[in-house]
Amino acid sequence: MPYPDRRMLRRLLAAVLLCAGAAAGAHEPVARCVLLDAQTVRCRGASNDGDEMAGARMDVIAHSGETLLEGRLDARSTLTFKRPAKPFYVLFDIGPGLQAVVEQEEIGPAPARGARWMR
């Protein structure tokens, strides 16, 4: 029985690794938050290829580590909440190693011609 050619095995392994790497990076979480008004924050979570993630977990966490809100994205992949008085950040968590963080300082008013979810 002949042994497989080593060059062929290396090429096959390289192709498998390339495909696996592309598939793993295809659904990285992306989160963005805006102020609807001085007291209301709206965040949207999606994958980096634009897929909506309704039902995915998004939490609001104080810098002290206290969870202020355990949320789930609605049908539009958004979470709307009252702006906490404490310093906070938003954690969009879709699984082990797949998180996106939005710091409080990154949250500002929606642009005048922003996307529909920002209104």
Protein backbone atom coordinates (compact mmCIF):
# COMPACT_ATOMS: atom_id res chain seq x y z
CA MET A 1 0.00 0.00 0.00
CA PRO A 2 1.59 3.33 -1.02
CA TYR A 3 2.09 6.11 1.51
CA PRO A 4 0.51 9.52 0.80
CA ASP A 5 2.83 12.16 -0.56
CA ARG A 6 4.02 14.48 2.25
CA ARG A 7 3.63 17.56 0.07
CA MET A 8 0.03 16.64 -0.62
CA LEU A 9 -0.65 16.18 3.12
CA ARG A 10 0.93 19.57 3.91
CA ARG A 11 -1.18 21.29 1.27
CA LEU A 12 -4.31 19.60 2.55
CA LEU A 13 -3.50 20.61 6.13
CA ALA A 14 -2.81 24.22 5.05
CA ALA A 15 -6.15 24.36 3.20
CA VAL A 16 -8.03 22.98 6.21
CA LEU A 17 -6.38 25.50 8.55
CA LEU A 18 -7.16 28.40 6.21
CA CYS A 19 -10.81 27.41 5.98
CA ALA A 20 -11.09 26.89 9.74
CA GLY A 21 -9.52 30.29 10.42
CA ALA A 22 -11.89 32.05 8.04
CA ALA A 23 -14.91 30.33 9.54
CA ALA A 24 -13.85 31.14 13.10
CA GLY A 25 -13.41 34.83 12.32
CA ALA A 26 -16.66 35.15 10.42
CA HIS A 27 -18.90 35.75 13.43
CA GLU A 28 -16.98 38.00 15.78
CA PRO A 29 -19.27 40.17 17.91
CA VAL A 30 -19.55 43.89 17.24
CA ALA A 31 -21.33 46.25 19.65
CA ARG A 32 -22.19 49.91 19.36
CA CYS A 33 -24.07 52.14 21.78
CA VAL A 34 -25.57 55.62 21.50
CA LEU A 35 -27.41 58.05 23.77
CA LEU A 36 -31.03 58.47 22.73
CA ASP A 37 -31.30 61.28 25.29
CA ALA A 38 -29.38 62.26 28.44
CA GLN A 39 -30.77 59.30 30.41
CA THR A 40 -31.33 56.56 27.81
CA VAL A 41 -28.76 54.31 26.14
CA ARG A 42 -29.45 52.03 23.18
CA CYS A 43 -26.94 49.39 22.15
CA ARG A 44 -26.91 47.10 19.14
CA GLY A 45 -25.10 43.81 18.86
CA ALA A 46 -24.33 42.02 15.62
CA SER A 47 -21.67 39.85 14.05
CA ASN A 48 -18.86 41.45 12.08
CA ASP A 49 -20.49 40.24 8.86
CA GLY A 50 -23.73 42.07 9.71
CA ASP A 51 -25.85 39.19 11.02
CA GLU A 52 -28.31 40.30 13.69
CA MET A 53 -28.14 38.46 16.99
CA ALA A 54 -31.58 38.69 18.57
CA GLY A 55 -31.62 36.90 21.92
CA ALA A 56 -27.88 37.21 22.50
CA ARG A 57 -26.67 38.31 25.92
CA MET A 58 -25.66 41.91 26.58
CA ASP A 59 -24.89 43.05 30.12
CA VAL A 60 -24.29 46.43 31.73
CA ILE A 61 -21.52 46.16 34.32
CA ALA A 62 -20.23 48.70 36.84
CA HIS A 63 -16.48 49.24 36.94
CA SER A 64 -16.63 47.78 40.46
CA GLY A 65 -17.66 44.46 38.86
CA GLU A 66 -21.32 44.61 39.89
CA THR A 67 -23.75 43.53 37.18
CA LEU A 68 -26.24 46.37 36.79
CA LEU A 69 -28.36 44.78 34.06
CA GLU A 70 -28.45 41.30 32.56
CA GLY A 71 -30.04 41.81 29.18
CA ARG A 72 -30.95 40.03 25.97
CA LEU A 73 -31.09 41.67 22.57
CA ASP A 74 -34.59 42.19 21.20
CA ALA A 75 -35.85 41.27 17.71
CA ARG A 76 -33.93 44.26 16.25
CA SER A 77 -30.74 43.14 18.03
CA THR A 78 -30.91 46.14 20.37
CA LEU A 79 -30.97 46.68 24.13
CA THR A 80 -32.30 49.96 25.55
CA PHE A 81 -31.72 50.91 29.18
CA LYS A 82 -31.57 53.81 31.62
CA ARG A 83 -28.07 55.27 31.84
CA PRO A 84 -26.55 54.13 35.15
CA ALA A 85 -25.32 56.71 37.65
CA LYS A 86 -22.20 54.59 38.32
CA PRO A 87 -19.28 54.29 35.89
CA PHE A 88 -20.07 51.32 33.62
CA TYR A 89 -19.33 49.39 30.46
CA VAL A 90 -21.45 47.22 28.18
CA LEU A 91 -20.43 43.61 27.58
CA PHE A 92 -21.74 41.81 24.50
CA ASP A 93 -21.04 38.13 25.13
CA ILE A 94 -21.90 35.47 22.54
CA GLY A 95 -19.70 32.69 23.90
CA PRO A 96 -16.24 31.75 25.15
CA GLY A 97 -13.69 34.15 23.69
CA LEU A 98 -16.38 36.02 21.74
CA GLN A 99 -17.00 39.28 23.56
CA ALA A 100 -17.17 42.95 22.62
CA VAL A 101 -16.94 45.77 25.15
CA VAL A 102 -18.23 49.34 24.87
CA GLU A 103 -16.84 51.68 27.51
CA GLN A 104 -19.04 54.43 28.92
CA GLU A 105 -16.73 57.07 27.42
CA GLU A 106 -17.40 55.69 23.92
CA ILE A 107 -21.16 56.27 24.20
CA GLY A 108 -22.37 59.56 22.74
CA PRO A 109 -25.34 61.06 20.93
CA ALA A 110 -26.48 59.34 17.76
CA PRO A 111 -25.36 61.05 14.55
CA ALA A 112 -28.03 63.17 12.84
CA ARG A 113 -28.28 60.71 9.94
CA GLY A 114 -27.70 57.59 12.01
CA ALA A 115 -29.10 54.15 11.31
CA ARG A 116 -32.73 53.43 12.15
CA TRP A 117 -31.85 51.45 15.29
CA MET A 118 -30.29 54.62 16.74
CA ARG A 119 -33.67 56.42 16.85
